[in-house]
Amino acid sequence: MALERPEIELTIREDLGFFGLVWSDYRAATYNSGRRESPLAAALAFLPRMLFNPSLQFAFLVRLGQKGPGILMYPVRWLQVILFSSEVWWFRGDSAIVIGPGITFPHPINVLVGPGTVIGEGVMIYNNTQIGADRSYEVGQGEEAVAARATNLGDRSIVYAYSVVQGPFNIGEDAVVGLRVVVDDHIPRGALRTQKHLRKAGEWSGNTGSRWPGLGRAE
């Protein structure tokens, strides 16, 4: 029996093009690392940081696959695998991955995001994670069946290292998937899912780290 999906906040911003999304990822990464810079100071440091920061480079490749011409899809996949042992590249058709602004990959090694996954604004995904659809659909049912069995990550959610979020689960806004967790149900807004417990908002201290406030809010 399929689980009824709870409503979650998913800010996608289809109006943002390639450069707008790359800039949002850059600002999110620098803000989350503790820097408080003016847009001018951030712009001046953009190129040297992009040249030497693997997290920014991987996010750049993800956006190139998302917003670049279709001919680049497979070269982007190849570069992701060779450089980062990761794959976030399927951005075509009815099962395309959808990613909102301000995504960050603090340690971009072995990050796998499969077709049909929808990711909101300001999401953080750590290393050795697998996110996407389960296999509860028949071969030949079409891309819509794949998308229906994939994960939605709400705004400002976090997936920590060595975790698996594979299936038709909604991870609510501000929710956290802890270390080495295999998610088997929806996670409500602001909750923490560990290997043994689900702590709802108010039952734990919440994410106390620095988080990018998002587009349209003061940086």
N, C-alpha and C. Protein backbone atom coordinates (compact mmCIF):
# COMPACT_ATOMS: atom_id res chain seq x y z
N MET A 1 0.85 -1.21 0.00
CA MET A 1 0.00 0.00 0.00
C MET A 1 0.87 1.24 0.00
N ALA A 2 0.61 2.18 -0.92
CA ALA A 2 1.42 3.38 -1.02
C ALA A 2 1.16 4.32 0.16
N LEU A 3 2.23 4.93 0.62
CA LEU A 3 2.11 5.91 1.69
C LEU A 3 1.56 7.22 1.14
N GLU A 4 0.65 7.84 1.88
CA GLU A 4 0.13 9.13 1.47
C GLU A 4 1.18 10.20 1.75
N ARG A 5 1.54 10.94 0.73
CA ARG A 5 2.61 11.92 0.89
C ARG A 5 2.11 13.19 1.57
N PRO A 6 2.77 13.62 2.64
CA PRO A 6 2.40 14.88 3.26
C PRO A 6 2.89 16.06 2.41
N GLU A 7 2.25 17.18 2.53
CA GLU A 7 2.67 18.38 1.80
C GLU A 7 3.99 18.90 2.38
N ILE A 8 4.90 19.28 1.50
CA ILE A 8 6.16 19.88 1.95
C ILE A 8 6.46 21.11 1.10
N GLU A 9 7.35 21.94 1.60
CA GLU A 9 7.73 23.16 0.90
C GLU A 9 8.87 22.85 -0.07
N LEU A 10 8.63 23.11 -1.35
CA LEU A 10 9.62 22.86 -2.39
C LEU A 10 9.75 24.10 -3.26
N THR A 11 10.80 24.87 -3.05
CA THR A 11 11.04 26.07 -3.83
C THR A 11 11.96 25.70 -4.99
N ILE A 12 11.46 25.80 -6.22
CA ILE A 12 12.22 25.35 -7.39
C ILE A 12 12.78 26.53 -8.19
N ARG A 13 12.00 27.59 -8.42
CA ARG A 13 12.43 28.78 -9.15
C ARG A 13 12.86 28.46 -10.58
N GLU A 14 11.89 28.06 -11.38
CA GLU A 14 12.17 27.75 -12.78
C GLU A 14 12.65 28.98 -13.55
N ASP A 15 12.42 30.17 -13.00
CA ASP A 15 12.83 31.39 -13.70
C ASP A 15 14.34 31.61 -13.67
N LEU A 16 15.04 30.90 -12.79
CA LEU A 16 16.49 31.07 -12.71
C LEU A 16 17.18 30.25 -13.79
N GLY A 17 18.08 30.89 -14.51
CA GLY A 17 18.86 30.18 -15.50
C GLY A 17 20.12 29.58 -14.91
N PHE A 18 21.01 29.14 -15.78
CA PHE A 18 22.24 28.48 -15.36
C PHE A 18 23.06 29.35 -14.41
N PHE A 19 23.33 30.57 -14.81
CA PHE A 19 24.20 31.43 -14.00
C PHE A 19 23.54 31.82 -12.68
N GLY A 20 22.22 32.00 -12.70
CA GLY A 20 21.52 32.32 -11.46
C GLY A 20 21.59 31.18 -10.46
N LEU A 21 21.48 29.95 -10.94
CA LEU A 21 21.56 28.78 -10.05
C LEU A 21 22.97 28.57 -9.55
N VAL A 22 23.97 28.74 -10.42
CA VAL A 22 25.37 28.61 -9.99
C VAL A 22 25.68 29.64 -8.91
N TRP A 23 25.20 30.87 -9.09
CA TRP A 23 25.44 31.92 -8.09
C TRP A 23 24.74 31.58 -6.78
N SER A 24 23.53 31.05 -6.84
CA SER A 24 22.83 30.69 -5.60
C SER A 24 23.56 29.57 -4.86
N ASP A 25 24.12 28.61 -5.60
CA ASP A 25 24.88 27.54 -4.96
C ASP A 25 26.14 28.09 -4.31
N TYR A 26 26.80 29.00 -5.01
CA TYR A 26 28.01 29.62 -4.49
C TYR A 26 27.74 30.41 -3.22
N ARG A 27 26.67 31.19 -3.24
CA ARG A 27 26.34 31.99 -2.05
C ARG A 27 25.93 31.10 -0.88
N ALA A 28 25.21 30.03 -1.17
CA ALA A 28 24.83 29.10 -0.11
C ALA A 28 26.06 28.44 0.50
N ALA A 29 26.99 28.01 -0.34
CA ALA A 29 28.19 27.33 0.16
C ALA A 29 29.05 28.26 1.02
N THR A 30 29.23 29.50 0.57
CA THR A 30 30.06 30.42 1.34
C THR A 30 29.37 30.82 2.64
N TYR A 31 28.07 31.05 2.59
CA TYR A 31 27.33 31.41 3.79
C TYR A 31 27.36 30.28 4.81
N ASN A 32 27.14 29.05 4.34
CA ASN A 32 27.11 27.91 5.25
C ASN A 32 28.48 27.62 5.86
N SER A 33 29.54 28.09 5.22
CA SER A 33 30.87 27.91 5.77
C SER A 33 31.25 29.01 6.76
N GLY A 34 30.33 29.94 7.00
CA GLY A 34 30.55 30.96 8.02
C GLY A 34 30.93 32.33 7.49
N ARG A 35 31.04 32.49 6.17
CA ARG A 35 31.41 33.78 5.61
C ARG A 35 30.17 34.67 5.47
N ARG A 36 30.35 35.93 5.81
CA ARG A 36 29.30 36.93 5.64
C ARG A 36 29.87 38.04 4.76
N GLU A 37 29.62 37.96 3.47
CA GLU A 37 30.24 38.84 2.51
C GLU A 37 29.19 39.63 1.74
N SER A 38 29.58 40.78 1.28
CA SER A 38 28.72 41.52 0.37
C SER A 38 28.72 40.83 -0.99
N PRO A 39 27.71 41.06 -1.80
CA PRO A 39 27.71 40.47 -3.15
C PRO A 39 28.96 40.82 -3.95
N LEU A 40 29.49 42.05 -3.78
CA LEU A 40 30.69 42.45 -4.51
C LEU A 40 31.90 41.65 -4.06
N ALA A 41 32.09 41.51 -2.75
CA ALA A 41 33.23 40.73 -2.24
C ALA A 41 33.12 39.28 -2.68
N ALA A 42 31.91 38.74 -2.66
CA ALA A 42 31.72 37.35 -3.09
C ALA A 42 32.03 37.20 -4.57
N ALA A 43 31.63 38.18 -5.38
CA ALA A 43 31.88 38.11 -6.82
C ALA A 43 33.37 38.16 -7.12
N LEU A 44 34.13 38.97 -6.40
CA LEU A 44 35.57 39.08 -6.63
C LEU A 44 36.29 37.78 -6.29
N ALA A 45 35.75 37.04 -5.34
CA ALA A 45 36.39 35.78 -4.92
C ALA A 45 35.84 34.57 -5.65
N PHE A 46 34.87 34.78 -6.53
CA PHE A 46 34.19 33.66 -7.16
C PHE A 46 35.14 32.77 -7.96
N LEU A 47 35.91 33.34 -8.85
CA LEU A 47 36.76 32.55 -9.74
C LEU A 47 37.82 31.75 -8.99
N PRO A 48 38.62 32.36 -8.10
CA PRO A 48 39.61 31.54 -7.39
C PRO A 48 38.99 30.44 -6.53
N ARG A 49 37.86 30.71 -5.93
CA ARG A 49 37.19 29.67 -5.15
C ARG A 49 36.69 28.54 -6.04
N MET A 50 36.13 28.90 -7.18
CA MET A 50 35.65 27.88 -8.10
C MET A 50 36.78 27.01 -8.61
N LEU A 51 37.95 27.58 -8.79
CA LEU A 51 39.10 26.84 -9.31
C LEU A 51 39.63 25.82 -8.31
N PHE A 52 39.48 26.09 -7.00
CA PHE A 52 40.13 25.26 -5.99
C PHE A 52 39.17 24.61 -5.00
N ASN A 53 37.87 24.77 -5.18
CA ASN A 53 36.90 24.21 -4.24
C ASN A 53 36.11 23.08 -4.91
N PRO A 54 36.37 21.82 -4.54
CA PRO A 54 35.66 20.70 -5.18
C PRO A 54 34.14 20.76 -5.01
N SER A 55 33.67 21.26 -3.86
CA SER A 55 32.23 21.34 -3.64
C SER A 55 31.57 22.25 -4.68
N LEU A 56 32.18 23.39 -4.93
CA LEU A 56 31.65 24.31 -5.93
C LEU A 56 31.75 23.73 -7.33
N GLN A 57 32.84 23.02 -7.60
CA GLN A 57 33.03 22.43 -8.92
C GLN A 57 31.97 21.37 -9.20
N PHE A 58 31.68 20.54 -8.20
CA PHE A 58 30.68 19.50 -8.43
C PHE A 58 29.29 20.12 -8.62
N ALA A 59 28.95 21.12 -7.79
CA ALA A 59 27.67 21.79 -7.96
C ALA A 59 27.57 22.43 -9.35
N PHE A 60 28.69 22.97 -9.84
CA PHE A 60 28.73 23.55 -11.18
C PHE A 60 28.41 22.50 -12.24
N LEU A 61 28.99 21.30 -12.11
CA LEU A 61 28.71 20.22 -13.05
C LEU A 61 27.25 19.79 -13.00
N VAL A 62 26.69 19.76 -11.79
CA VAL A 62 25.27 19.42 -11.65
C VAL A 62 24.40 20.42 -12.40
N ARG A 63 24.69 21.71 -12.22
CA ARG A 63 23.90 22.74 -12.91
C ARG A 63 24.13 22.70 -14.42
N LEU A 64 25.33 22.34 -14.85
CA LEU A 64 25.59 22.23 -16.28
C LEU A 64 24.74 21.12 -16.88
N GLY A 65 24.58 20.01 -16.15
CA GLY A 65 23.70 18.96 -16.62
C GLY A 65 22.24 19.38 -16.59
N GLN A 66 21.87 20.19 -15.59
CA GLN A 66 20.48 20.61 -15.43
C GLN A 66 20.06 21.64 -16.46
N LYS A 67 20.91 22.62 -16.72
CA LYS A 67 20.52 23.75 -17.57
C LYS A 67 21.28 23.82 -18.90
N GLY A 68 22.30 22.99 -19.06
CA GLY A 68 23.06 23.02 -20.30
C GLY A 68 22.35 22.30 -21.43
N PRO A 69 22.89 22.38 -22.63
CA PRO A 69 22.29 21.68 -23.77
C PRO A 69 22.35 20.17 -23.58
N GLY A 70 21.38 19.47 -24.16
CA GLY A 70 21.28 18.03 -23.99
C GLY A 70 22.52 17.27 -24.40
N ILE A 71 23.28 17.81 -25.36
CA ILE A 71 24.47 17.12 -25.84
C ILE A 71 25.53 16.98 -24.76
N LEU A 72 25.43 17.80 -23.70
CA LEU A 72 26.42 17.76 -22.62
C LEU A 72 26.07 16.75 -21.53
N MET A 73 24.89 16.14 -21.59
CA MET A 73 24.44 15.30 -20.48
C MET A 73 25.41 14.16 -20.20
N TYR A 74 25.81 13.43 -21.22
CA TYR A 74 26.69 12.29 -20.99
C TYR A 74 28.13 12.71 -20.69
N PRO A 75 28.68 13.74 -21.34
CA PRO A 75 29.99 14.23 -20.90
C PRO A 75 29.99 14.71 -19.45
N VAL A 76 28.91 15.36 -19.02
CA VAL A 76 28.80 15.79 -17.63
C VAL A 76 28.79 14.57 -16.70
N ARG A 77 28.04 13.56 -17.07
CA ARG A 77 28.03 12.33 -16.26
C ARG A 77 29.43 11.74 -16.16
N TRP A 78 30.14 11.67 -17.26
CA TRP A 78 31.50 11.11 -17.28
C TRP A 78 32.41 11.90 -16.35
N LEU A 79 32.35 13.22 -16.42
CA LEU A 79 33.20 14.06 -15.55
C LEU A 79 32.85 13.85 -14.08
N GLN A 80 31.56 13.75 -13.77
CA GLN A 80 31.16 13.53 -12.38
C GLN A 80 31.72 12.22 -11.85
N VAL A 81 31.65 11.17 -12.66
CA VAL A 81 32.15 9.87 -12.21
C VAL A 81 33.67 9.88 -12.08
N ILE A 82 34.36 10.42 -13.08
CA ILE A 82 35.83 10.43 -13.06
C ILE A 82 36.39 11.30 -11.93
N LEU A 83 35.80 12.47 -11.73
CA LEU A 83 36.35 13.42 -10.77
C LEU A 83 35.84 13.21 -9.35
N PHE A 84 34.58 12.75 -9.20
CA PHE A 84 33.96 12.72 -7.88
C PHE A 84 33.33 11.37 -7.51
N SER A 85 33.40 10.41 -8.39
CA SER A 85 32.72 9.11 -8.15
C SER A 85 31.25 9.32 -7.80
N SER A 86 30.62 10.27 -8.47
CA SER A 86 29.24 10.66 -8.19
C SER A 86 28.44 10.71 -9.48
N GLU A 87 27.12 10.67 -9.33
CA GLU A 87 26.24 10.80 -10.49
C GLU A 87 24.98 11.58 -10.12
N VAL A 88 24.87 12.79 -10.65
CA VAL A 88 23.64 13.59 -10.56
C VAL A 88 23.49 14.23 -11.94
N TRP A 89 22.88 13.50 -12.87
CA TRP A 89 22.98 13.94 -14.26
C TRP A 89 21.70 13.77 -15.08
N TRP A 90 20.70 13.03 -14.58
CA TRP A 90 19.53 12.75 -15.42
C TRP A 90 18.53 13.90 -15.33
N PHE A 91 18.60 14.83 -16.26
CA PHE A 91 17.76 16.03 -16.24
C PHE A 91 16.89 16.14 -17.48
N ARG A 92 16.48 15.01 -18.03
CA ARG A 92 15.67 15.02 -19.24
C ARG A 92 14.44 14.15 -19.06
N GLY A 93 13.35 14.51 -19.74
CA GLY A 93 12.16 13.68 -19.77
C GLY A 93 11.28 13.81 -18.53
N ASP A 94 10.29 12.94 -18.45
CA ASP A 94 9.31 12.99 -17.37
C ASP A 94 9.89 12.55 -16.03
N SER A 95 11.05 11.89 -16.05
CA SER A 95 11.68 11.48 -14.79
C SER A 95 12.92 12.31 -14.47
N ALA A 96 12.97 13.53 -15.01
CA ALA A 96 14.12 14.39 -14.78
C ALA A 96 14.28 14.75 -13.30
N ILE A 97 15.50 14.78 -12.85
CA ILE A 97 15.80 15.33 -11.53
C ILE A 97 15.47 16.81 -11.55
N VAL A 98 14.88 17.32 -10.46
CA VAL A 98 14.56 18.75 -10.33
C VAL A 98 15.27 19.26 -9.08
N ILE A 99 16.04 20.34 -9.23
CA ILE A 99 16.81 20.88 -8.10
C ILE A 99 16.59 22.38 -8.01
N GLY A 100 16.15 22.86 -6.86
CA GLY A 100 15.97 24.27 -6.62
C GLY A 100 17.29 24.97 -6.36
N PRO A 101 17.25 26.26 -6.06
CA PRO A 101 18.48 27.04 -5.86
C PRO A 101 19.19 26.70 -4.55
N GLY A 102 20.48 27.01 -4.51
CA GLY A 102 21.23 26.95 -3.26
C GLY A 102 21.54 25.56 -2.76
N ILE A 103 21.79 24.60 -3.65
CA ILE A 103 22.17 23.27 -3.18
C ILE A 103 23.66 23.25 -2.85
N THR A 104 24.04 22.49 -1.83
CA THR A 104 25.45 22.38 -1.47
C THR A 104 25.82 20.92 -1.24
N PHE A 105 27.04 20.60 -1.62
CA PHE A 105 27.62 19.26 -1.45
C PHE A 105 28.92 19.43 -0.67
N PRO A 106 28.88 19.45 0.67
CA PRO A 106 30.09 19.74 1.45
C PRO A 106 31.26 18.82 1.16
N HIS A 107 30.99 17.55 0.90
CA HIS A 107 32.04 16.57 0.58
C HIS A 107 31.56 15.77 -0.63
N PRO A 108 31.81 16.24 -1.85
CA PRO A 108 31.15 15.69 -3.03
C PRO A 108 31.79 14.40 -3.54
N ILE A 109 31.78 13.36 -2.72
CA ILE A 109 32.30 12.06 -3.11
C ILE A 109 31.20 11.02 -2.95
N ASN A 110 30.98 10.24 -4.01
CA ASN A 110 30.00 9.16 -4.00
C ASN A 110 28.60 9.66 -3.62
N VAL A 111 28.16 10.68 -4.34
CA VAL A 111 26.80 11.21 -4.19
C VAL A 111 25.99 10.74 -5.40
N LEU A 112 24.95 9.97 -5.15
CA LEU A 112 24.13 9.44 -6.22
C LEU A 112 22.69 9.95 -6.06
N VAL A 113 22.21 10.69 -7.04
CA VAL A 113 20.83 11.17 -7.06
C VAL A 113 20.19 10.66 -8.34
N GLY A 114 19.15 9.86 -8.19
CA GLY A 114 18.56 9.19 -9.33
C GLY A 114 17.40 9.93 -9.96
N PRO A 115 16.93 9.43 -11.10
CA PRO A 115 15.80 10.05 -11.82
C PRO A 115 14.56 10.18 -10.95
N GLY A 116 13.83 11.27 -11.20
CA GLY A 116 12.58 11.51 -10.50
C GLY A 116 12.70 12.26 -9.19
N THR A 117 13.91 12.41 -8.68
CA THR A 117 14.10 13.10 -7.40
C THR A 117 13.80 14.59 -7.55
N VAL A 118 13.11 15.15 -6.56
CA VAL A 118 12.82 16.58 -6.53
C VAL A 118 13.46 17.17 -5.27
N ILE A 119 14.27 18.21 -5.45
CA ILE A 119 15.04 18.80 -4.36
C ILE A 119 14.72 20.28 -4.28
N GLY A 120 14.35 20.76 -3.11
CA GLY A 120 13.97 22.15 -2.93
C GLY A 120 15.16 23.08 -2.75
N GLU A 121 14.90 24.22 -2.13
CA GLU A 121 15.90 25.28 -1.98
C GLU A 121 16.76 25.07 -0.75
N GLY A 122 18.06 25.38 -0.88
CA GLY A 122 18.95 25.38 0.27
C GLY A 122 19.21 24.01 0.88
N VAL A 123 19.13 22.97 0.08
CA VAL A 123 19.33 21.60 0.56
C VAL A 123 20.82 21.28 0.62
N MET A 124 21.21 20.48 1.61
CA MET A 124 22.60 20.07 1.78
C MET A 124 22.68 18.54 1.73
N ILE A 125 23.55 18.03 0.86
CA ILE A 125 23.70 16.59 0.69
C ILE A 125 25.17 16.22 0.88
N TYR A 126 25.42 15.33 1.82
CA TYR A 126 26.80 14.95 2.14
C TYR A 126 27.24 13.74 1.32
N ASN A 127 28.45 13.28 1.59
CA ASN A 127 29.10 12.22 0.84
C ASN A 127 28.48 10.85 1.10
N ASN A 128 28.72 9.93 0.16
CA ASN A 128 28.29 8.54 0.28
C ASN A 128 26.79 8.42 0.57
N THR A 129 26.01 9.16 -0.21
CA THR A 129 24.56 9.13 -0.06
C THR A 129 23.92 8.65 -1.35
N GLN A 130 22.77 8.01 -1.21
CA GLN A 130 22.03 7.53 -2.37
C GLN A 130 20.58 7.97 -2.23
N ILE A 131 20.12 8.73 -3.21
CA ILE A 131 18.79 9.34 -3.16
C ILE A 131 18.10 9.09 -4.49
N GLY A 132 16.82 8.68 -4.44
CA GLY A 132 16.10 8.46 -5.69
C GLY A 132 14.92 7.54 -5.54
N ALA A 133 14.62 6.80 -6.60
CA ALA A 133 13.46 5.91 -6.64
C ALA A 133 13.83 4.52 -6.15
N ASP A 134 12.82 3.81 -5.64
CA ASP A 134 13.03 2.40 -5.35
C ASP A 134 12.71 1.60 -6.63
N ARG A 135 12.59 0.29 -6.50
CA ARG A 135 12.34 -0.53 -7.69
C ARG A 135 10.93 -1.11 -7.70
N SER A 136 10.00 -0.46 -7.03
CA SER A 136 8.63 -0.97 -6.96
C SER A 136 7.80 -0.50 -8.15
N TYR A 137 8.31 -0.72 -9.33
CA TYR A 137 7.55 -0.45 -10.54
C TYR A 137 8.03 -1.46 -11.59
N GLU A 138 7.18 -1.73 -12.54
CA GLU A 138 7.50 -2.72 -13.56
C GLU A 138 8.26 -2.06 -14.71
N VAL A 139 9.23 -2.78 -15.24
CA VAL A 139 9.96 -2.30 -16.39
C VAL A 139 8.99 -2.06 -17.54
N GLY A 140 9.10 -0.89 -18.16
CA GLY A 140 8.22 -0.58 -19.28
C GLY A 140 7.03 0.27 -18.89
N GLN A 141 6.87 0.57 -17.60
CA GLN A 141 5.73 1.40 -17.18
C GLN A 141 5.90 2.86 -17.56
N GLY A 142 7.10 3.28 -17.89
CA GLY A 142 7.33 4.66 -18.29
C GLY A 142 8.01 5.48 -17.21
N GLU A 143 8.47 6.65 -17.64
CA GLU A 143 9.22 7.52 -16.73
C GLU A 143 8.35 8.07 -15.61
N GLU A 144 7.04 8.22 -15.87
CA GLU A 144 6.17 8.73 -14.81
C GLU A 144 6.14 7.77 -13.63
N ALA A 145 6.21 6.47 -13.89
CA ALA A 145 6.22 5.48 -12.81
C ALA A 145 7.47 5.60 -11.97
N VAL A 146 8.60 5.88 -12.63
CA VAL A 146 9.86 6.07 -11.90
C VAL A 146 9.76 7.30 -11.01
N ALA A 147 9.27 8.41 -11.57
CA ALA A 147 9.16 9.65 -10.80
C ALA A 147 8.23 9.50 -9.61
N ALA A 148 7.17 8.71 -9.77
CA ALA A 148 6.21 8.51 -8.68
C ALA A 148 6.81 7.74 -7.51
N ARG A 149 7.90 7.01 -7.75
CA ARG A 149 8.54 6.20 -6.71
C ARG A 149 9.80 6.86 -6.17
N ALA A 150 10.03 8.14 -6.49
CA ALA A 150 11.26 8.83 -6.09
C ALA A 150 11.03 9.75 -4.90
N THR A 151 12.12 10.23 -4.35
CA THR A 151 12.13 11.04 -3.13
C THR A 151 11.95 12.52 -3.43
N ASN A 152 11.30 13.24 -2.51
CA ASN A 152 11.25 14.70 -2.51
C ASN A 152 11.97 15.21 -1.27
N LEU A 153 12.94 16.09 -1.47
CA LEU A 153 13.66 16.72 -0.35
C LEU A 153 13.18 18.15 -0.21
N GLY A 154 12.55 18.48 0.92
CA GLY A 154 12.01 19.81 1.15
C GLY A 154 13.08 20.85 1.37
N ASP A 155 12.69 22.11 1.31
CA ASP A 155 13.61 23.23 1.48
C ASP A 155 14.41 23.10 2.78
N ARG A 156 15.70 23.37 2.66
CA ARG A 156 16.64 23.45 3.79
C ARG A 156 16.82 22.11 4.52
N SER A 157 16.44 21.01 3.90
CA SER A 157 16.68 19.71 4.52
C SER A 157 18.14 19.31 4.33
N ILE A 158 18.57 18.35 5.15
CA ILE A 158 19.95 17.88 5.12
C ILE A 158 19.96 16.36 5.09
N VAL A 159 20.80 15.80 4.23
CA VAL A 159 21.03 14.35 4.22
C VAL A 159 22.50 14.14 4.54
N TYR A 160 22.77 13.55 5.70
CA TYR A 160 24.15 13.34 6.11
C TYR A 160 24.72 12.06 5.50
N ALA A 161 26.02 11.86 5.72
CA ALA A 161 26.79 10.84 5.03
C ALA A 161 26.30 9.42 5.28
N TYR A 162 26.54 8.58 4.29
CA TYR A 162 26.26 7.15 4.35
C TYR A 162 24.77 6.84 4.57
N SER A 163 23.90 7.71 4.08
CA SER A 163 22.47 7.49 4.23
C SER A 163 21.83 7.17 2.88
N VAL A 164 20.71 6.46 2.94
CA VAL A 164 19.97 6.08 1.75
C VAL A 164 18.54 6.59 1.88
N VAL A 165 18.11 7.38 0.91
CA VAL A 165 16.73 7.86 0.86
C VAL A 165 16.19 7.45 -0.50
N GLN A 166 15.68 6.24 -0.60
CA GLN A 166 15.29 5.69 -1.88
C GLN A 166 13.87 5.17 -1.79
N GLY A 167 12.95 5.87 -2.45
CA GLY A 167 11.55 5.51 -2.41
C GLY A 167 10.68 6.74 -2.39
N PRO A 168 9.36 6.57 -2.42
CA PRO A 168 8.43 7.70 -2.51
C PRO A 168 8.22 8.39 -1.17
N PHE A 169 9.31 8.94 -0.62
CA PHE A 169 9.27 9.57 0.70
C PHE A 169 9.44 11.07 0.57
N ASN A 170 8.71 11.83 1.38
CA ASN A 170 8.87 13.27 1.48
C ASN A 170 9.69 13.59 2.72
N ILE A 171 10.80 14.27 2.52
CA ILE A 171 11.62 14.75 3.62
C ILE A 171 11.26 16.22 3.81
N GLY A 172 10.62 16.54 4.92
CA GLY A 172 10.06 17.88 5.12
C GLY A 172 11.11 18.96 5.22
N GLU A 173 10.67 20.20 5.04
CA GLU A 173 11.57 21.33 5.14
C GLU A 173 12.22 21.39 6.52
N ASP A 174 13.51 21.71 6.55
CA ASP A 174 14.32 21.81 7.77
C ASP A 174 14.52 20.47 8.46
N ALA A 175 14.15 19.37 7.82
CA ALA A 175 14.35 18.04 8.41
C ALA A 175 15.78 17.58 8.16
N VAL A 176 16.24 16.64 8.99
CA VAL A 176 17.61 16.14 8.91
C VAL A 176 17.60 14.62 8.89
N VAL A 177 18.27 14.05 7.90
CA VAL A 177 18.53 12.61 7.87
C VAL A 177 19.94 12.41 8.41
N GLY A 178 20.06 11.71 9.53
CA GLY A 178 21.34 11.57 10.20
C GLY A 178 22.28 10.62 9.50
N LEU A 179 23.39 10.30 10.18
CA LEU A 179 24.41 9.42 9.63
C LEU A 179 23.92 7.98 9.53
N ARG A 180 24.24 7.34 8.41
CA ARG A 180 24.01 5.91 8.21
C ARG A 180 22.55 5.51 8.42
N VAL A 181 21.65 6.29 7.88
CA VAL A 181 20.22 6.02 8.02
C VAL A 181 19.67 5.49 6.71
N VAL A 182 18.85 4.46 6.78
CA VAL A 182 18.08 4.00 5.63
C VAL A 182 16.63 4.44 5.86
N VAL A 183 16.21 5.44 5.13
CA VAL A 183 14.88 6.02 5.33
C VAL A 183 13.81 5.07 4.79
N ASP A 184 12.78 4.82 5.61
CA ASP A 184 11.70 3.92 5.20
C ASP A 184 10.32 4.54 5.41
N ASP A 185 10.27 5.87 5.61
CA ASP A 185 8.99 6.55 5.81
C ASP A 185 9.21 8.04 5.59
N HIS A 186 8.13 8.79 5.51
CA HIS A 186 8.24 10.24 5.43
C HIS A 186 8.86 10.80 6.71
N ILE A 187 9.54 11.94 6.57
CA ILE A 187 10.10 12.63 7.73
C ILE A 187 9.45 14.00 7.81
N PRO A 188 8.78 14.32 8.92
CA PRO A 188 8.06 15.60 8.99
C PRO A 188 8.98 16.80 9.09
N ARG A 189 8.39 17.95 8.91
CA ARG A 189 9.14 19.21 8.95
C ARG A 189 9.91 19.36 10.26
N GLY A 190 11.19 19.72 10.15
CA GLY A 190 12.01 20.02 11.31
C GLY A 190 12.42 18.83 12.14
N ALA A 191 12.16 17.62 11.66
CA ALA A 191 12.46 16.42 12.44
C ALA A 191 13.88 15.92 12.17
N LEU A 192 14.37 15.11 13.09
CA LEU A 192 15.66 14.44 12.95
C LEU A 192 15.43 12.94 12.91
N ARG A 193 15.87 12.30 11.83
CA ARG A 193 15.77 10.85 11.72
C ARG A 193 17.15 10.25 11.91
N THR A 194 17.32 9.45 12.97
CA THR A 194 18.57 8.74 13.20
C THR A 194 18.34 7.26 12.92
N GLN A 195 19.36 6.45 13.16
CA GLN A 195 19.21 5.02 12.92
C GLN A 195 18.12 4.40 13.79
N LYS A 196 17.93 4.92 14.99
CA LYS A 196 17.02 4.29 15.94
C LYS A 196 15.77 5.10 16.25
N HIS A 197 15.81 6.41 16.00
CA HIS A 197 14.71 7.26 16.48
C HIS A 197 14.29 8.28 15.43
N LEU A 198 13.06 8.75 15.58
CA LEU A 198 12.58 9.92 14.87
C LEU A 198 12.22 10.95 15.92
N ARG A 199 12.98 12.04 15.94
CA ARG A 199 12.71 13.13 16.88
C ARG A 199 12.05 14.27 16.10
N LYS A 200 10.82 14.58 16.45
CA LYS A 200 10.09 15.62 15.74
C LYS A 200 10.56 17.00 16.18
N ALA A 201 10.15 18.01 15.43
CA ALA A 201 10.50 19.39 15.77
C ALA A 201 10.06 19.69 17.19
N GLY A 202 10.97 20.26 17.97
CA GLY A 202 10.70 20.55 19.37
C GLY A 202 11.18 19.47 20.31
N GLU A 203 11.49 18.28 19.77
CA GLU A 203 12.00 17.18 20.60
C GLU A 203 13.52 17.08 20.55
N TRP A 204 14.13 17.95 19.76
CA TRP A 204 15.59 18.03 19.72
C TRP A 204 15.97 19.48 19.46
N SER A 205 17.25 19.78 19.55
CA SER A 205 17.68 21.18 19.49
C SER A 205 17.60 21.78 18.11
N GLY A 206 17.41 20.94 17.08
CA GLY A 206 17.35 21.47 15.73
C GLY A 206 18.74 21.72 15.18
N ASN A 207 18.79 22.00 13.88
CA ASN A 207 20.08 22.28 13.26
C ASN A 207 20.58 23.64 13.71
N THR A 208 21.70 23.65 14.42
CA THR A 208 22.23 24.91 14.96
C THR A 208 23.34 25.49 14.10
N GLY A 209 23.68 24.81 13.00
CA GLY A 209 24.74 25.30 12.14
C GLY A 209 24.30 26.49 11.31
N SER A 210 25.27 27.09 10.63
CA SER A 210 24.99 28.23 9.77
C SER A 210 24.29 27.75 8.51
N ARG A 211 23.15 28.36 8.16
CA ARG A 211 22.42 27.96 6.97
C ARG A 211 22.07 29.17 6.13
N TRP A 212 22.29 29.04 4.84
CA TRP A 212 21.94 30.08 3.88
C TRP A 212 20.46 30.42 4.00
N PRO A 213 20.12 31.71 4.12
CA PRO A 213 18.71 32.07 4.33
C PRO A 213 17.84 31.91 3.10
N GLY A 214 18.44 31.79 1.94
CA GLY A 214 17.65 31.55 0.74
C GLY A 214 17.43 32.80 -0.11
N LEU A 215 16.95 32.60 -1.31
CA LEU A 215 16.68 33.72 -2.21
C LEU A 215 15.51 34.55 -1.69
N GLY A 216 15.61 35.85 -1.89
CA GLY A 216 14.53 36.73 -1.48
C GLY A 216 14.60 37.11 0.00
N ARG A 217 15.59 36.59 0.71
CA ARG A 217 15.77 36.95 2.12
C ARG A 217 17.17 37.51 2.30
N ALA A 218 17.37 38.26 3.33
CA ALA A 218 18.65 38.92 3.53
C ALA A 218 19.77 37.89 3.69
N GLU A 219 20.89 38.14 2.98
CA GLU A 219 22.05 37.27 3.09
C GLU A 219 23.05 37.85 4.10
